[in-house]
């Protein structure tokens, strides 16, 4: 692993453990047995180091979710499982983004804009493929659908720990309910059957 990647990985671990504000370049340099000057030569300033480290955290989460899905799911169930996994990890993401917004607002805007653009592009690609596979209706406005879906799902994730729900309903349940019904609304009969089969298998596990 290249030295720069080692630094990013270790900084990401310290951010998860200590928080964005508590990460000190001096402490990171000492932990890695390198000079503070070396770190600044690599990244220019602390904000750039934080940028790459937070991106590493988010990308690692995404890789973990996709790895857990593996090849055993496809079509709409694969997307449901992806968003289910993202919601399960939303507490860390929420804490990170709130701290970024408070202490590094410009960095927050940069990261959130990139995440939004990536998320919308990924959704557009996935939904377009599902239309071709006959799982999503051809009548669906893809751009409007992905926009509304993205802001609804991100809004729920950012409300982690603050949703007021009926007794016995967890935030994970509420999120899954919202996502499932979104896809039901735009799915073909074939797509709905795929969703129902997926949910039935989840219940029996």
N, C-alpha and C. Protein backbone atom coordinates (compact mmCIF):
# COMPACT_ATOMS: atom_id res chain seq x y z
N UNK A 1 0.85 -1.19 0.00
CA UNK A 1 0.00 0.00 0.00
C UNK A 1 0.88 1.25 0.00
N UNK A 2 0.60 2.22 -0.87
CA UNK A 2 1.38 3.44 -0.95
C UNK A 2 1.27 4.22 0.35
N UNK A 3 2.30 5.00 0.65
CA UNK A 3 2.33 5.75 1.91
C UNK A 3 1.12 6.67 2.05
N UNK A 4 0.73 7.33 0.95
CA UNK A 4 -0.43 8.22 0.99
C UNK A 4 -1.70 7.47 1.38
N UNK A 5 -1.87 6.27 0.84
CA UNK A 5 -3.04 5.46 1.17
C UNK A 5 -3.02 5.01 2.62
N UNK A 6 -1.82 4.72 3.13
CA UNK A 6 -1.68 4.34 4.54
C UNK A 6 -2.12 5.49 5.43
N UNK A 7 -1.70 6.70 5.08
CA UNK A 7 -2.08 7.88 5.86
C UNK A 7 -3.59 8.08 5.84
N UNK A 8 -4.19 7.99 4.66
CA UNK A 8 -5.64 8.18 4.54
C UNK A 8 -6.39 7.14 5.35
N UNK A 9 -5.97 5.91 5.27
CA UNK A 9 -6.64 4.82 5.99
C UNK A 9 -6.56 5.04 7.50
N UNK A 10 -5.38 5.40 7.98
CA UNK A 10 -5.22 5.61 9.43
C UNK A 10 -5.98 6.84 9.90
N UNK A 11 -5.97 7.90 9.10
CA UNK A 11 -6.72 9.10 9.46
C UNK A 11 -8.22 8.79 9.51
N UNK A 12 -8.69 7.98 8.56
CA UNK A 12 -10.10 7.58 8.54
C UNK A 12 -10.46 6.82 9.81
N UNK A 13 -9.58 5.91 10.22
CA UNK A 13 -9.83 5.14 11.45
C UNK A 13 -9.89 6.06 12.66
N UNK A 14 -9.02 7.05 12.71
CA UNK A 14 -9.01 7.98 13.84
C UNK A 14 -10.22 8.89 13.83
N UNK A 15 -10.70 9.26 12.64
CA UNK A 15 -11.90 10.08 12.55
C UNK A 15 -13.11 9.33 13.08
N UNK A 16 -13.25 8.05 12.70
CA UNK A 16 -14.36 7.23 13.18
C UNK A 16 -14.30 7.09 14.70
N UNK A 17 -13.08 6.95 15.22
CA UNK A 17 -12.89 6.76 16.66
C UNK A 17 -13.05 8.06 17.45
N UNK A 18 -12.47 9.15 16.96
CA UNK A 18 -12.38 10.39 17.72
C UNK A 18 -13.34 11.48 17.25
N UNK A 19 -13.71 11.45 15.99
CA UNK A 19 -14.50 12.52 15.40
C UNK A 19 -13.65 13.43 14.53
N UNK A 20 -14.32 14.15 13.65
CA UNK A 20 -13.62 15.01 12.69
C UNK A 20 -12.84 16.10 13.40
N UNK A 21 -13.46 16.78 14.34
CA UNK A 21 -12.84 17.93 15.00
C UNK A 21 -11.64 17.51 15.84
N UNK A 22 -11.69 16.30 16.40
CA UNK A 22 -10.63 15.86 17.33
C UNK A 22 -9.41 15.29 16.63
N UNK A 23 -9.48 15.11 15.32
CA UNK A 23 -8.30 14.62 14.61
C UNK A 23 -7.27 15.74 14.52
N UNK A 24 -6.10 15.51 15.10
CA UNK A 24 -5.02 16.48 15.06
C UNK A 24 -3.91 15.94 14.16
N UNK A 25 -3.39 16.79 13.31
CA UNK A 25 -2.33 16.38 12.40
C UNK A 25 -1.10 15.93 13.20
N UNK A 26 -0.82 16.59 14.31
CA UNK A 26 0.31 16.20 15.17
C UNK A 26 0.15 14.76 15.66
N UNK A 27 -1.05 14.43 16.11
CA UNK A 27 -1.31 13.08 16.62
C UNK A 27 -1.19 12.04 15.51
N UNK A 28 -1.71 12.37 14.34
CA UNK A 28 -1.63 11.46 13.20
C UNK A 28 -0.18 11.22 12.80
N UNK A 29 0.60 12.30 12.75
CA UNK A 29 2.01 12.18 12.39
C UNK A 29 2.76 11.31 13.39
N UNK A 30 2.47 11.52 14.68
CA UNK A 30 3.12 10.72 15.73
C UNK A 30 2.72 9.26 15.61
N UNK A 31 1.44 9.01 15.37
CA UNK A 31 0.94 7.64 15.26
C UNK A 31 1.59 6.90 14.09
N UNK A 32 1.83 7.62 13.00
CA UNK A 32 2.40 7.00 11.80
C UNK A 32 3.93 7.08 11.76
N UNK A 33 4.51 7.72 12.78
CA UNK A 33 5.97 7.88 12.86
C UNK A 33 6.52 8.63 11.64
N UNK A 34 5.81 9.68 11.26
CA UNK A 34 6.30 10.56 10.19
C UNK A 34 6.24 11.99 10.70
N UNK A 35 6.85 12.90 9.98
CA UNK A 35 6.83 14.30 10.40
C UNK A 35 5.53 14.96 9.96
N UNK A 36 5.16 15.99 10.70
CA UNK A 36 3.98 16.77 10.34
C UNK A 36 4.18 17.41 8.96
N UNK A 37 5.41 17.82 8.69
CA UNK A 37 5.73 18.43 7.40
C UNK A 37 5.46 17.45 6.25
N UNK A 38 5.76 16.18 6.47
CA UNK A 38 5.52 15.16 5.44
C UNK A 38 4.04 15.09 5.09
N UNK A 39 3.19 15.14 6.11
CA UNK A 39 1.75 15.08 5.88
C UNK A 39 1.26 16.29 5.09
N UNK A 40 1.80 17.47 5.43
CA UNK A 40 1.39 18.67 4.71
C UNK A 40 1.91 18.66 3.27
N UNK A 41 3.06 18.04 3.06
CA UNK A 41 3.58 17.91 1.70
C UNK A 41 2.69 16.99 0.86
N UNK A 42 2.10 15.99 1.53
CA UNK A 42 1.22 15.04 0.83
C UNK A 42 -0.13 15.66 0.48
N UNK A 43 -0.69 16.44 1.42
CA UNK A 43 -2.07 16.89 1.27
C UNK A 43 -2.26 18.40 1.18
N UNK A 44 -1.24 19.16 1.49
CA UNK A 44 -1.37 20.61 1.42
C UNK A 44 -1.88 21.25 2.69
N UNK A 45 -3.03 20.77 3.18
CA UNK A 45 -3.58 21.28 4.44
C UNK A 45 -4.46 20.21 5.08
N UNK A 46 -4.94 20.50 6.28
CA UNK A 46 -5.74 19.53 7.02
C UNK A 46 -7.07 19.25 6.32
N UNK A 47 -7.66 20.29 5.72
CA UNK A 47 -8.96 20.11 5.05
C UNK A 47 -8.87 19.07 3.93
N UNK A 48 -7.75 19.10 3.18
CA UNK A 48 -7.59 18.14 2.10
C UNK A 48 -7.38 16.74 2.64
N UNK A 49 -6.67 16.61 3.74
CA UNK A 49 -6.49 15.32 4.39
C UNK A 49 -7.84 14.79 4.87
N UNK A 50 -8.65 15.66 5.48
CA UNK A 50 -9.97 15.25 5.95
C UNK A 50 -10.86 14.83 4.77
N UNK A 51 -10.77 15.57 3.69
CA UNK A 51 -11.57 15.25 2.51
C UNK A 51 -11.31 13.83 2.04
N UNK A 52 -10.05 13.47 1.85
CA UNK A 52 -9.71 12.13 1.37
C UNK A 52 -10.05 11.06 2.40
N UNK A 53 -9.91 11.39 3.68
CA UNK A 53 -10.17 10.41 4.73
C UNK A 53 -11.66 10.13 4.88
N UNK A 54 -12.49 11.17 4.81
CA UNK A 54 -13.93 10.98 4.90
C UNK A 54 -14.44 10.24 3.67
N UNK A 55 -13.91 10.57 2.49
CA UNK A 55 -14.28 9.83 1.28
C UNK A 55 -13.93 8.36 1.43
N UNK A 56 -12.78 8.08 2.04
CA UNK A 56 -12.36 6.70 2.28
C UNK A 56 -13.38 5.97 3.16
N UNK A 57 -13.88 6.65 4.18
CA UNK A 57 -14.87 6.05 5.08
C UNK A 57 -16.13 5.69 4.30
N UNK A 58 -16.64 6.64 3.53
CA UNK A 58 -17.87 6.41 2.77
C UNK A 58 -17.69 5.32 1.72
N UNK A 59 -16.54 5.34 1.03
CA UNK A 59 -16.28 4.33 0.00
C UNK A 59 -16.12 2.94 0.61
N UNK A 60 -15.50 2.88 1.78
CA UNK A 60 -15.35 1.59 2.47
C UNK A 60 -16.70 1.02 2.87
N UNK A 61 -17.59 1.91 3.33
CA UNK A 61 -18.95 1.48 3.67
C UNK A 61 -19.65 0.89 2.45
N UNK A 62 -19.53 1.60 1.32
CA UNK A 62 -20.18 1.14 0.10
C UNK A 62 -19.63 -0.21 -0.36
N UNK A 63 -18.31 -0.37 -0.29
CA UNK A 63 -17.70 -1.64 -0.69
C UNK A 63 -18.16 -2.77 0.22
N UNK A 64 -18.29 -2.48 1.50
CA UNK A 64 -18.73 -3.51 2.44
C UNK A 64 -20.16 -3.94 2.15
N UNK A 65 -21.02 -2.98 1.86
CA UNK A 65 -22.41 -3.29 1.54
C UNK A 65 -22.48 -4.14 0.28
N UNK A 66 -21.76 -3.74 -0.76
CA UNK A 66 -21.77 -4.49 -2.02
C UNK A 66 -21.18 -5.88 -1.85
N UNK A 67 -20.15 -6.00 -1.03
CA UNK A 67 -19.53 -7.31 -0.78
C UNK A 67 -20.51 -8.24 -0.09
N UNK A 68 -21.28 -7.70 0.86
CA UNK A 68 -22.25 -8.52 1.58
C UNK A 68 -23.36 -9.03 0.67
N UNK A 69 -23.68 -8.24 -0.37
CA UNK A 69 -24.70 -8.68 -1.32
C UNK A 69 -24.16 -9.79 -2.20
N UNK A 70 -22.89 -9.60 -2.64
CA UNK A 70 -22.26 -10.62 -3.47
C UNK A 70 -23.04 -10.85 -4.75
N UNK A 71 -23.14 -12.10 -5.15
CA UNK A 71 -23.82 -12.45 -6.40
C UNK A 71 -25.16 -13.14 -6.15
N UNK A 72 -25.59 -13.20 -4.88
CA UNK A 72 -26.82 -13.94 -4.59
C UNK A 72 -28.08 -13.12 -4.83
N UNK A 73 -27.94 -11.80 -5.09
CA UNK A 73 -29.10 -10.97 -5.36
C UNK A 73 -28.89 -10.18 -6.63
N UNK A 74 -29.98 -9.93 -7.35
CA UNK A 74 -29.92 -9.11 -8.55
C UNK A 74 -31.25 -8.38 -8.68
N UNK A 75 -31.35 -7.52 -9.70
CA UNK A 75 -32.60 -6.80 -9.92
C UNK A 75 -32.95 -5.87 -8.79
N UNK A 76 -34.25 -5.71 -8.53
CA UNK A 76 -34.72 -4.81 -7.48
C UNK A 76 -34.25 -5.24 -6.09
N UNK A 77 -34.27 -6.55 -5.74
CA UNK A 77 -33.78 -6.98 -4.43
C UNK A 77 -32.35 -6.52 -4.13
N UNK A 78 -31.49 -6.48 -5.14
CA UNK A 78 -30.12 -6.03 -4.92
C UNK A 78 -30.11 -4.57 -4.46
N UNK A 79 -30.94 -3.75 -5.09
CA UNK A 79 -31.02 -2.34 -4.69
C UNK A 79 -31.61 -2.20 -3.29
N UNK A 80 -32.63 -2.99 -2.99
CA UNK A 80 -33.23 -2.95 -1.65
C UNK A 80 -32.19 -3.30 -0.59
N UNK A 81 -31.37 -4.28 -0.89
CA UNK A 81 -30.35 -4.72 0.06
C UNK A 81 -29.26 -3.65 0.22
N UNK A 82 -28.93 -2.97 -0.87
CA UNK A 82 -27.93 -1.90 -0.81
C UNK A 82 -28.40 -0.80 0.13
N UNK A 83 -29.64 -0.33 -0.04
CA UNK A 83 -30.14 0.75 0.79
C UNK A 83 -30.38 0.31 2.22
N UNK A 84 -30.74 -0.95 2.41
CA UNK A 84 -30.88 -1.49 3.76
C UNK A 84 -29.53 -1.45 4.48
N UNK A 85 -28.47 -1.84 3.78
CA UNK A 85 -27.14 -1.81 4.35
C UNK A 85 -26.67 -0.41 4.65
N UNK A 86 -27.02 0.54 3.78
CA UNK A 86 -26.64 1.93 4.01
C UNK A 86 -27.33 2.50 5.24
N UNK A 87 -28.60 2.16 5.42
CA UNK A 87 -29.33 2.65 6.58
C UNK A 87 -28.75 2.07 7.86
N UNK A 88 -28.33 0.82 7.81
CA UNK A 88 -27.75 0.18 9.00
C UNK A 88 -26.47 0.88 9.44
N UNK A 89 -25.81 1.59 8.51
CA UNK A 89 -24.56 2.29 8.82
C UNK A 89 -24.76 3.80 8.91
N UNK A 90 -26.00 4.25 8.96
CA UNK A 90 -26.28 5.69 8.87
C UNK A 90 -25.87 6.47 10.11
N UNK A 91 -25.73 5.82 11.27
CA UNK A 91 -25.37 6.55 12.49
C UNK A 91 -23.98 7.18 12.35
N UNK A 92 -23.02 6.40 11.85
CA UNK A 92 -21.66 6.92 11.67
C UNK A 92 -21.66 8.03 10.63
N UNK A 93 -22.36 7.80 9.52
CA UNK A 93 -22.42 8.79 8.45
C UNK A 93 -23.05 10.09 8.94
N UNK A 94 -24.12 9.97 9.71
CA UNK A 94 -24.81 11.16 10.23
C UNK A 94 -23.89 11.95 11.15
N UNK A 95 -23.19 11.27 12.05
CA UNK A 95 -22.28 11.96 12.97
C UNK A 95 -21.17 12.69 12.20
N UNK A 96 -20.63 12.01 11.20
CA UNK A 96 -19.56 12.61 10.40
C UNK A 96 -20.04 13.85 9.66
N UNK A 97 -21.18 13.72 8.97
CA UNK A 97 -21.66 14.84 8.15
C UNK A 97 -22.08 16.03 9.02
N UNK A 98 -22.66 15.77 10.19
CA UNK A 98 -23.05 16.87 11.07
C UNK A 98 -21.82 17.61 11.59
N UNK A 99 -20.77 16.87 11.92
CA UNK A 99 -19.53 17.51 12.39
C UNK A 99 -18.85 18.28 11.27
N UNK A 100 -18.87 17.71 10.06
CA UNK A 100 -18.31 18.44 8.92
C UNK A 100 -19.07 19.74 8.69
N UNK A 101 -20.40 19.67 8.72
CA UNK A 101 -21.21 20.87 8.48
C UNK A 101 -20.93 21.94 9.53
N UNK A 102 -20.67 21.52 10.75
CA UNK A 102 -20.46 22.47 11.85
C UNK A 102 -19.06 23.08 11.83
N UNK A 103 -18.05 22.23 11.63
CA UNK A 103 -16.67 22.70 11.77
C UNK A 103 -15.95 22.96 10.44
N UNK A 104 -16.40 22.31 9.37
CA UNK A 104 -15.77 22.48 8.05
C UNK A 104 -16.86 22.61 6.99
N UNK A 105 -17.63 23.70 7.00
CA UNK A 105 -18.78 23.84 6.10
C UNK A 105 -18.43 23.74 4.61
N UNK A 106 -17.30 24.30 4.19
CA UNK A 106 -16.92 24.22 2.78
C UNK A 106 -16.60 22.79 2.38
N UNK A 107 -15.92 22.07 3.27
CA UNK A 107 -15.60 20.67 3.02
C UNK A 107 -16.88 19.84 2.99
N UNK A 108 -17.80 20.16 3.88
CA UNK A 108 -19.09 19.47 3.91
C UNK A 108 -19.81 19.62 2.58
N UNK A 109 -19.87 20.83 2.05
CA UNK A 109 -20.55 21.08 0.78
C UNK A 109 -19.87 20.31 -0.35
N UNK A 110 -18.55 20.28 -0.34
CA UNK A 110 -17.81 19.58 -1.39
C UNK A 110 -18.12 18.09 -1.38
N UNK A 111 -18.06 17.48 -0.20
CA UNK A 111 -18.29 16.05 -0.08
C UNK A 111 -19.75 15.69 -0.37
N UNK A 112 -20.68 16.48 0.16
CA UNK A 112 -22.09 16.16 -0.05
C UNK A 112 -22.50 16.34 -1.51
N UNK A 113 -21.91 17.33 -2.18
CA UNK A 113 -22.21 17.52 -3.60
C UNK A 113 -21.70 16.33 -4.42
N UNK A 114 -20.48 15.88 -4.11
CA UNK A 114 -19.93 14.73 -4.81
C UNK A 114 -20.74 13.47 -4.52
N UNK A 115 -21.15 13.28 -3.27
CA UNK A 115 -21.95 12.12 -2.91
C UNK A 115 -23.31 12.14 -3.62
N UNK A 116 -23.91 13.33 -3.69
CA UNK A 116 -25.19 13.46 -4.38
C UNK A 116 -25.05 13.11 -5.86
N UNK A 117 -24.04 13.68 -6.50
CA UNK A 117 -23.85 13.42 -7.93
C UNK A 117 -23.57 11.94 -8.20
N UNK A 118 -22.75 11.34 -7.32
CA UNK A 118 -22.46 9.91 -7.48
C UNK A 118 -23.72 9.08 -7.26
N UNK A 119 -24.46 9.41 -6.20
CA UNK A 119 -25.67 8.66 -5.88
C UNK A 119 -26.72 8.73 -6.98
N UNK A 120 -26.91 9.93 -7.54
CA UNK A 120 -27.88 10.09 -8.61
C UNK A 120 -27.45 9.36 -9.87
N UNK A 121 -26.15 9.41 -10.18
CA UNK A 121 -25.65 8.71 -11.36
C UNK A 121 -25.82 7.20 -11.21
N UNK A 122 -25.53 6.69 -10.01
CA UNK A 122 -25.67 5.26 -9.75
C UNK A 122 -27.14 4.84 -9.86
N UNK A 123 -28.03 5.64 -9.28
CA UNK A 123 -29.45 5.32 -9.34
C UNK A 123 -29.96 5.35 -10.78
N UNK A 124 -29.54 6.35 -11.54
CA UNK A 124 -29.96 6.45 -12.94
C UNK A 124 -29.54 5.20 -13.72
N UNK A 125 -28.30 4.77 -13.51
CA UNK A 125 -27.79 3.58 -14.19
C UNK A 125 -28.57 2.33 -13.80
N UNK A 126 -28.83 2.19 -12.49
CA UNK A 126 -29.53 1.00 -12.00
C UNK A 126 -30.99 0.97 -12.49
N UNK A 127 -31.68 2.11 -12.39
CA UNK A 127 -33.09 2.13 -12.79
C UNK A 127 -33.24 1.94 -14.30
N UNK A 128 -32.32 2.53 -15.06
CA UNK A 128 -32.36 2.35 -16.51
C UNK A 128 -32.21 0.87 -16.87
N UNK A 129 -31.30 0.18 -16.17
CA UNK A 129 -31.10 -1.26 -16.41
C UNK A 129 -32.35 -2.05 -16.01
N UNK A 130 -33.00 -1.63 -14.92
CA UNK A 130 -34.20 -2.34 -14.47
C UNK A 130 -35.36 -2.15 -15.45
N UNK A 131 -35.42 -0.98 -16.10
CA UNK A 131 -36.43 -0.76 -17.13
C UNK A 131 -36.19 -1.72 -18.30
N UNK A 132 -34.94 -1.84 -18.72
CA UNK A 132 -34.59 -2.73 -19.82
C UNK A 132 -34.89 -4.19 -19.49
N UNK A 133 -34.78 -4.53 -18.20
CA UNK A 133 -35.04 -5.90 -17.76
C UNK A 133 -36.53 -6.17 -17.54
N UNK A 134 -37.35 -5.14 -17.74
CA UNK A 134 -38.79 -5.32 -17.58
C UNK A 134 -39.26 -5.32 -16.14
N UNK A 135 -38.43 -4.79 -15.23
CA UNK A 135 -38.78 -4.78 -13.80
C UNK A 135 -39.33 -3.44 -13.34
N UNK A 136 -38.99 -2.38 -14.08
CA UNK A 136 -39.50 -1.04 -13.81
C UNK A 136 -40.28 -0.58 -15.04
N UNK A 137 -41.40 0.09 -14.82
CA UNK A 137 -42.26 0.52 -15.91
C UNK A 137 -41.55 1.49 -16.86
N UNK A 138 -41.78 1.32 -18.15
CA UNK A 138 -41.21 2.23 -19.15
C UNK A 138 -41.83 3.62 -19.06
N UNK A 139 -42.96 3.75 -18.39
CA UNK A 139 -43.64 5.03 -18.25
C UNK A 139 -43.01 5.91 -17.18
N UNK A 140 -42.09 5.37 -16.41
CA UNK A 140 -41.50 6.09 -15.28
C UNK A 140 -40.56 7.19 -15.78
N UNK A 141 -40.67 8.36 -15.16
CA UNK A 141 -39.72 9.46 -15.41
C UNK A 141 -38.48 9.18 -14.55
N UNK A 142 -37.43 8.67 -15.17
CA UNK A 142 -36.26 8.23 -14.43
C UNK A 142 -35.63 9.36 -13.62
N UNK A 143 -35.41 10.51 -14.26
CA UNK A 143 -34.73 11.62 -13.57
C UNK A 143 -35.53 12.12 -12.38
N UNK A 144 -36.85 12.25 -12.54
CA UNK A 144 -37.68 12.70 -11.42
C UNK A 144 -37.71 11.64 -10.32
N UNK A 145 -37.79 10.38 -10.71
CA UNK A 145 -37.84 9.29 -9.73
C UNK A 145 -36.58 9.23 -8.89
N UNK A 146 -35.40 9.30 -9.54
CA UNK A 146 -34.16 9.19 -8.78
C UNK A 146 -33.95 10.42 -7.89
N UNK A 147 -34.40 11.58 -8.35
CA UNK A 147 -34.26 12.79 -7.54
C UNK A 147 -35.09 12.69 -6.27
N UNK A 148 -36.36 12.33 -6.42
CA UNK A 148 -37.24 12.21 -5.25
C UNK A 148 -36.78 11.09 -4.33
N UNK A 149 -36.37 9.97 -4.92
CA UNK A 149 -35.91 8.84 -4.11
C UNK A 149 -34.65 9.21 -3.34
N UNK A 150 -33.71 9.87 -4.00
CA UNK A 150 -32.45 10.24 -3.35
C UNK A 150 -32.70 11.15 -2.15
N UNK A 151 -33.47 12.20 -2.33
CA UNK A 151 -33.68 13.14 -1.23
C UNK A 151 -34.53 12.55 -0.12
N UNK A 152 -35.44 11.65 -0.45
CA UNK A 152 -36.23 10.98 0.59
C UNK A 152 -35.35 10.06 1.43
N UNK A 153 -34.56 9.24 0.76
CA UNK A 153 -33.71 8.27 1.48
C UNK A 153 -32.62 8.98 2.28
N UNK A 154 -31.98 10.00 1.69
CA UNK A 154 -30.95 10.74 2.43
C UNK A 154 -31.55 11.48 3.62
N UNK A 155 -32.76 12.00 3.43
CA UNK A 155 -33.43 12.70 4.53
C UNK A 155 -33.69 11.76 5.70
N UNK A 156 -34.12 10.55 5.42
CA UNK A 156 -34.36 9.57 6.47
C UNK A 156 -33.06 9.19 7.18
N UNK A 157 -31.99 9.02 6.40
CA UNK A 157 -30.71 8.66 7.02
C UNK A 157 -30.20 9.78 7.93
N UNK A 158 -30.39 11.01 7.50
CA UNK A 158 -29.91 12.14 8.30
C UNK A 158 -30.76 12.36 9.54
N UNK A 159 -31.97 11.79 9.55
CA UNK A 159 -32.84 11.90 10.74
C UNK A 159 -32.60 10.74 11.70
N UNK A 160 -31.56 9.96 11.48
CA UNK A 160 -31.27 8.79 12.33
C UNK A 160 -31.29 9.20 13.80
N UNK A 161 -32.09 8.47 14.58
CA UNK A 161 -32.17 8.75 16.01
C UNK A 161 -33.18 9.81 16.38
N UNK A 162 -33.82 10.43 15.38
CA UNK A 162 -34.76 11.52 15.68
C UNK A 162 -36.15 11.30 15.10
N UNK A 163 -36.38 10.13 14.50
CA UNK A 163 -37.71 9.84 13.95
C UNK A 163 -38.66 9.42 15.07
N UNK A 164 -39.87 9.97 15.06
CA UNK A 164 -40.91 9.57 16.02
C UNK A 164 -41.80 8.55 15.30
N UNK A 165 -41.74 7.31 15.73
CA UNK A 165 -42.40 6.21 15.03
C UNK A 165 -43.40 5.49 15.93
N UNK A 166 -44.33 4.75 15.34
CA UNK A 166 -45.27 3.95 16.15
C UNK A 166 -44.51 2.95 17.01
N UNK A 167 -45.11 2.56 18.12
CA UNK A 167 -44.49 1.59 19.02
C UNK A 167 -44.13 0.30 18.28
N UNK A 168 -42.93 -0.18 18.54
CA UNK A 168 -42.49 -1.44 17.95
C UNK A 168 -41.89 -1.31 16.57
N UNK A 169 -41.90 -0.10 16.00
CA UNK A 169 -41.34 0.11 14.66
C UNK A 169 -39.96 0.76 14.80
N UNK A 170 -38.95 0.11 14.27
CA UNK A 170 -37.59 0.66 14.32
C UNK A 170 -37.36 1.59 13.12
N UNK A 171 -36.29 2.38 13.20
CA UNK A 171 -35.95 3.25 12.07
C UNK A 171 -35.60 2.42 10.84
N UNK A 172 -34.97 1.27 11.08
CA UNK A 172 -34.64 0.39 9.96
C UNK A 172 -35.92 -0.12 9.30
N UNK A 173 -36.93 -0.46 10.11
CA UNK A 173 -38.23 -0.89 9.58
C UNK A 173 -38.86 0.21 8.74
N UNK A 174 -38.84 1.44 9.26
CA UNK A 174 -39.46 2.57 8.57
C UNK A 174 -38.76 2.86 7.26
N UNK A 175 -37.44 2.80 7.28
CA UNK A 175 -36.67 3.05 6.07
C UNK A 175 -36.97 1.98 5.02
N UNK A 176 -36.97 0.72 5.45
CA UNK A 176 -37.24 -0.38 4.52
C UNK A 176 -38.66 -0.26 3.95
N UNK A 177 -39.60 0.13 4.78
CA UNK A 177 -40.99 0.31 4.33
C UNK A 177 -41.07 1.37 3.25
N UNK A 178 -40.37 2.48 3.46
CA UNK A 178 -40.38 3.59 2.50
C UNK A 178 -39.75 3.17 1.17
N UNK A 179 -38.60 2.51 1.25
CA UNK A 179 -37.88 2.10 0.04
C UNK A 179 -38.67 1.05 -0.75
N UNK A 180 -39.20 0.06 -0.04
CA UNK A 180 -39.97 -1.00 -0.70
C UNK A 180 -41.17 -0.42 -1.43
N UNK A 181 -41.88 0.50 -0.78
CA UNK A 181 -43.08 1.04 -1.41
C UNK A 181 -42.75 2.00 -2.55
N UNK A 182 -41.59 2.63 -2.50
CA UNK A 182 -41.16 3.43 -3.64
C UNK A 182 -41.00 2.53 -4.86
N UNK A 183 -40.30 1.42 -4.69
CA UNK A 183 -40.07 0.52 -5.82
C UNK A 183 -41.36 -0.17 -6.27
N UNK A 184 -42.24 -0.48 -5.33
CA UNK A 184 -43.53 -1.06 -5.72
C UNK A 184 -44.29 -0.11 -6.66
N UNK A 185 -44.18 1.18 -6.35
CA UNK A 185 -44.93 2.17 -7.12
C UNK A 185 -44.46 2.32 -8.56
N UNK A 186 -43.21 1.96 -8.84
CA UNK A 186 -42.70 2.14 -10.21
C UNK A 186 -42.41 0.80 -10.89
N UNK A 187 -42.62 -0.30 -10.16
CA UNK A 187 -42.30 -1.62 -10.71
C UNK A 187 -43.40 -2.14 -11.62
N UNK A 188 -43.00 -3.00 -12.52
CA UNK A 188 -43.96 -3.76 -13.34
C UNK A 188 -44.47 -4.93 -12.48
N UNK A 189 -45.43 -5.69 -13.02
CA UNK A 189 -45.93 -6.87 -12.30
C UNK A 189 -44.77 -7.83 -12.02
N UNK A 190 -43.89 -8.00 -12.99
CA UNK A 190 -42.71 -8.85 -12.81
C UNK A 190 -41.82 -8.32 -11.68
N UNK A 191 -41.69 -7.00 -11.62
CA UNK A 191 -40.87 -6.40 -10.57
C UNK A 191 -41.50 -6.57 -9.20
N UNK A 192 -42.82 -6.38 -9.11
CA UNK A 192 -43.53 -6.56 -7.84
C UNK A 192 -43.39 -7.99 -7.34
N UNK A 193 -43.49 -8.95 -8.25
CA UNK A 193 -43.33 -10.36 -7.87
C UNK A 193 -41.93 -10.61 -7.31
N UNK A 194 -40.94 -9.95 -7.91
CA UNK A 194 -39.56 -10.09 -7.44
C UNK A 194 -39.41 -9.50 -6.03
N UNK A 195 -40.05 -8.35 -5.81
CA UNK A 195 -40.01 -7.72 -4.49
C UNK A 195 -40.67 -8.61 -3.44
N UNK A 196 -41.86 -9.14 -3.77
CA UNK A 196 -42.60 -9.98 -2.83
C UNK A 196 -41.81 -11.24 -2.47
N UNK A 197 -41.16 -11.83 -3.45
CA UNK A 197 -40.35 -13.01 -3.19
C UNK A 197 -39.18 -12.69 -2.26
N UNK A 198 -38.55 -11.56 -2.52
CA UNK A 198 -37.42 -11.11 -1.68
C UNK A 198 -37.87 -10.90 -0.24
N UNK A 199 -39.01 -10.21 -0.06
CA UNK A 199 -39.50 -9.93 1.29
C UNK A 199 -39.90 -11.21 2.02
N UNK A 200 -40.51 -12.14 1.31
CA UNK A 200 -40.92 -13.41 1.91
C UNK A 200 -39.70 -14.18 2.39
N UNK A 201 -38.62 -14.14 1.61
CA UNK A 201 -37.39 -14.84 2.00
C UNK A 201 -36.73 -14.15 3.19
N UNK A 202 -36.84 -12.82 3.26
CA UNK A 202 -36.28 -12.08 4.41
C UNK A 202 -37.00 -12.46 5.69
N UNK A 203 -38.32 -12.61 5.59
CA UNK A 203 -39.12 -12.93 6.79
C UNK A 203 -38.78 -14.32 7.32
N UNK A 204 -38.54 -15.27 6.41
CA UNK A 204 -38.30 -16.65 6.84
C UNK A 204 -36.88 -16.88 7.33
N UNK A 205 -35.98 -15.89 7.13
CA UNK A 205 -34.59 -16.08 7.58
C UNK A 205 -34.47 -15.87 9.08
